Amino acid sequence: MIDWNYDGAILQPAIVDIPDDDALVAGQYPVPNEAGTIRVKITDILSESLKVTVRHG
């Protein structure tokens, strides 16, 4: 899940990449010019999560 303008409290993903069956996520996504603080949340098949915040610009 990717939120291009994370407010620091609530994740509002603009992109949710959930592939079917044995497919993989795309892994590369164009960053919009108006993006601010970007929050990425990756969850694996065991429900382990990685959350990363990046400032754009």
N, C-alpha and C. Protein backbone atom coordinates (compact mmCIF):
# COMPACT_ATOMS: atom_id res chain seq x y z
N MET A 1 0.85 -1.16 0.00
CA MET A 1 0.00 0.00 0.00
C MET A 1 0.89 1.23 0.00
N ILE A 2 0.51 2.23 -0.79
CA ILE A 2 1.28 3.47 -0.86
C ILE A 2 0.34 4.65 -0.68
N ASP A 3 0.66 5.49 0.28
CA ASP A 3 -0.05 6.75 0.51
C ASP A 3 0.90 7.86 0.10
N TRP A 4 0.56 8.62 -0.94
CA TRP A 4 1.44 9.66 -1.47
C TRP A 4 1.49 10.91 -0.60
N ASN A 5 0.51 11.10 0.28
CA ASN A 5 0.46 12.29 1.14
C ASN A 5 0.06 11.90 2.56
N TYR A 6 0.90 11.10 3.18
CA TYR A 6 0.64 10.58 4.53
C TYR A 6 0.63 11.73 5.53
N ASP A 7 -0.43 11.77 6.35
CA ASP A 7 -0.58 12.86 7.32
C ASP A 7 0.05 12.56 8.68
N GLY A 8 0.68 11.41 8.82
CA GLY A 8 1.33 11.05 10.07
C GLY A 8 0.44 10.25 11.00
N ALA A 9 -0.84 10.10 10.65
CA ALA A 9 -1.76 9.39 11.53
C ALA A 9 -2.51 8.26 10.82
N ILE A 10 -3.11 8.58 9.68
CA ILE A 10 -3.97 7.62 9.00
C ILE A 10 -3.42 7.31 7.60
N LEU A 11 -3.22 6.02 7.33
CA LEU A 11 -2.77 5.58 6.01
C LEU A 11 -3.97 5.57 5.08
N GLN A 12 -3.89 6.36 4.00
CA GLN A 12 -4.94 6.40 2.99
C GLN A 12 -4.31 6.03 1.65
N PRO A 13 -4.17 4.73 1.38
CA PRO A 13 -3.41 4.29 0.20
C PRO A 13 -4.08 4.66 -1.12
N ALA A 14 -3.27 5.22 -2.01
CA ALA A 14 -3.71 5.49 -3.38
C ALA A 14 -3.43 4.27 -4.25
N ILE A 15 -2.46 3.46 -3.83
CA ILE A 15 -2.12 2.23 -4.55
C ILE A 15 -2.15 1.07 -3.58
N VAL A 16 -2.89 0.03 -3.96
CA VAL A 16 -2.90 -1.23 -3.22
C VAL A 16 -2.59 -2.30 -4.24
N ASP A 17 -1.41 -2.87 -4.16
CA ASP A 17 -0.97 -3.87 -5.14
C ASP A 17 -1.05 -5.26 -4.50
N ILE A 18 -2.14 -5.95 -4.79
CA ILE A 18 -2.36 -7.31 -4.26
C ILE A 18 -2.51 -8.23 -5.46
N PRO A 19 -1.43 -8.94 -5.83
CA PRO A 19 -1.49 -9.81 -7.01
C PRO A 19 -2.30 -11.08 -6.76
N ASP A 20 -2.73 -11.69 -7.84
CA ASP A 20 -3.47 -12.95 -7.78
C ASP A 20 -2.51 -14.13 -7.72
N ASP A 21 -2.90 -15.16 -7.02
CA ASP A 21 -2.21 -16.45 -6.96
C ASP A 21 -0.68 -16.33 -6.84
N ASP A 22 0.06 -16.83 -7.83
CA ASP A 22 1.52 -16.86 -7.78
C ASP A 22 2.19 -15.63 -8.38
N ALA A 23 1.41 -14.61 -8.71
CA ALA A 23 1.97 -13.40 -9.32
C ALA A 23 2.71 -12.57 -8.27
N LEU A 24 3.56 -11.66 -8.74
CA LEU A 24 4.32 -10.78 -7.86
C LEU A 24 3.79 -9.35 -7.98
N VAL A 25 4.06 -8.53 -6.98
CA VAL A 25 3.70 -7.11 -7.06
C VAL A 25 4.54 -6.46 -8.16
N ALA A 26 4.06 -5.32 -8.67
CA ALA A 26 4.79 -4.60 -9.73
C ALA A 26 6.15 -4.14 -9.21
N GLY A 27 6.19 -3.57 -8.01
CA GLY A 27 7.45 -3.18 -7.39
C GLY A 27 7.98 -1.82 -7.79
N GLN A 28 7.47 -1.22 -8.86
CA GLN A 28 7.87 0.12 -9.28
C GLN A 28 6.61 0.91 -9.59
N TYR A 29 6.53 2.10 -9.01
CA TYR A 29 5.34 2.93 -9.16
C TYR A 29 5.78 4.37 -9.38
N PRO A 30 5.22 5.07 -10.38
CA PRO A 30 5.60 6.46 -10.61
C PRO A 30 5.13 7.35 -9.47
N VAL A 31 6.00 8.21 -8.98
CA VAL A 31 5.67 9.12 -7.88
C VAL A 31 5.03 10.38 -8.47
N PRO A 32 3.82 10.72 -8.05
CA PRO A 32 3.17 11.93 -8.57
C PRO A 32 3.94 13.18 -8.15
N ASN A 33 3.91 14.22 -8.99
CA ASN A 33 4.60 15.48 -8.68
C ASN A 33 4.08 16.11 -7.40
N GLU A 34 2.81 15.94 -7.09
CA GLU A 34 2.22 16.56 -5.90
C GLU A 34 2.40 15.72 -4.63
N ALA A 35 3.19 14.66 -4.70
CA ALA A 35 3.42 13.81 -3.52
C ALA A 35 4.14 14.59 -2.43
N GLY A 36 3.79 14.30 -1.20
CA GLY A 36 4.43 14.95 -0.05
C GLY A 36 5.19 13.91 0.75
N THR A 37 4.68 13.59 1.93
CA THR A 37 5.26 12.54 2.75
C THR A 37 4.67 11.21 2.29
N ILE A 38 5.53 10.32 1.83
CA ILE A 38 5.09 9.04 1.28
C ILE A 38 5.21 7.96 2.34
N ARG A 39 4.14 7.20 2.53
CA ARG A 39 4.15 6.08 3.47
C ARG A 39 3.91 4.81 2.69
N VAL A 40 4.79 3.83 2.87
CA VAL A 40 4.67 2.53 2.21
C VAL A 40 4.51 1.46 3.27
N LYS A 41 3.52 0.61 3.09
CA LYS A 41 3.32 -0.52 4.00
C LYS A 41 3.33 -1.80 3.18
N ILE A 42 4.25 -2.70 3.54
CA ILE A 42 4.37 -3.99 2.86
C ILE A 42 4.04 -5.08 3.87
N THR A 43 3.12 -5.96 3.49
CA THR A 43 2.72 -7.07 4.35
C THR A 43 2.97 -8.37 3.61
N ASP A 44 3.68 -9.30 4.26
CA ASP A 44 3.97 -10.57 3.60
C ASP A 44 2.88 -11.60 3.89
N ILE A 45 3.06 -12.82 3.37
CA ILE A 45 2.03 -13.85 3.51
C ILE A 45 1.85 -14.34 4.94
N LEU A 46 2.81 -14.03 5.80
CA LEU A 46 2.70 -14.40 7.21
C LEU A 46 2.15 -13.25 8.06
N SER A 47 1.69 -12.20 7.39
CA SER A 47 1.13 -10.99 8.03
C SER A 47 2.16 -10.15 8.77
N GLU A 48 3.44 -10.35 8.46
CA GLU A 48 4.48 -9.47 8.99
C GLU A 48 4.48 -8.20 8.15
N SER A 49 4.66 -7.04 8.79
CA SER A 49 4.58 -5.78 8.06
C SER A 49 5.85 -4.95 8.20
N LEU A 50 6.16 -4.23 7.13
CA LEU A 50 7.23 -3.24 7.10
C LEU A 50 6.58 -1.92 6.73
N LYS A 51 6.82 -0.88 7.53
CA LYS A 51 6.27 0.44 7.25
C LYS A 51 7.43 1.42 7.12
N VAL A 52 7.45 2.18 6.02
CA VAL A 52 8.52 3.12 5.75
C VAL A 52 7.90 4.46 5.35
N THR A 53 8.46 5.56 5.89
CA THR A 53 8.00 6.89 5.53
C THR A 53 9.15 7.64 4.88
N VAL A 54 8.86 8.31 3.74
CA VAL A 54 9.86 9.04 2.97
C VAL A 54 9.30 10.41 2.62
N ARG A 55 10.10 11.44 2.78
CA ARG A 55 9.67 12.80 2.37
C ARG A 55 10.07 13.01 0.93
N HIS A 56 9.15 13.43 0.10
CA HIS A 56 9.39 13.67 -1.32
C HIS A 56 9.59 15.16 -1.57
N GLY A 57 10.57 15.46 -2.40
CA GLY A 57 10.74 16.84 -2.82
C GLY A 57 11.83 17.59 -2.22
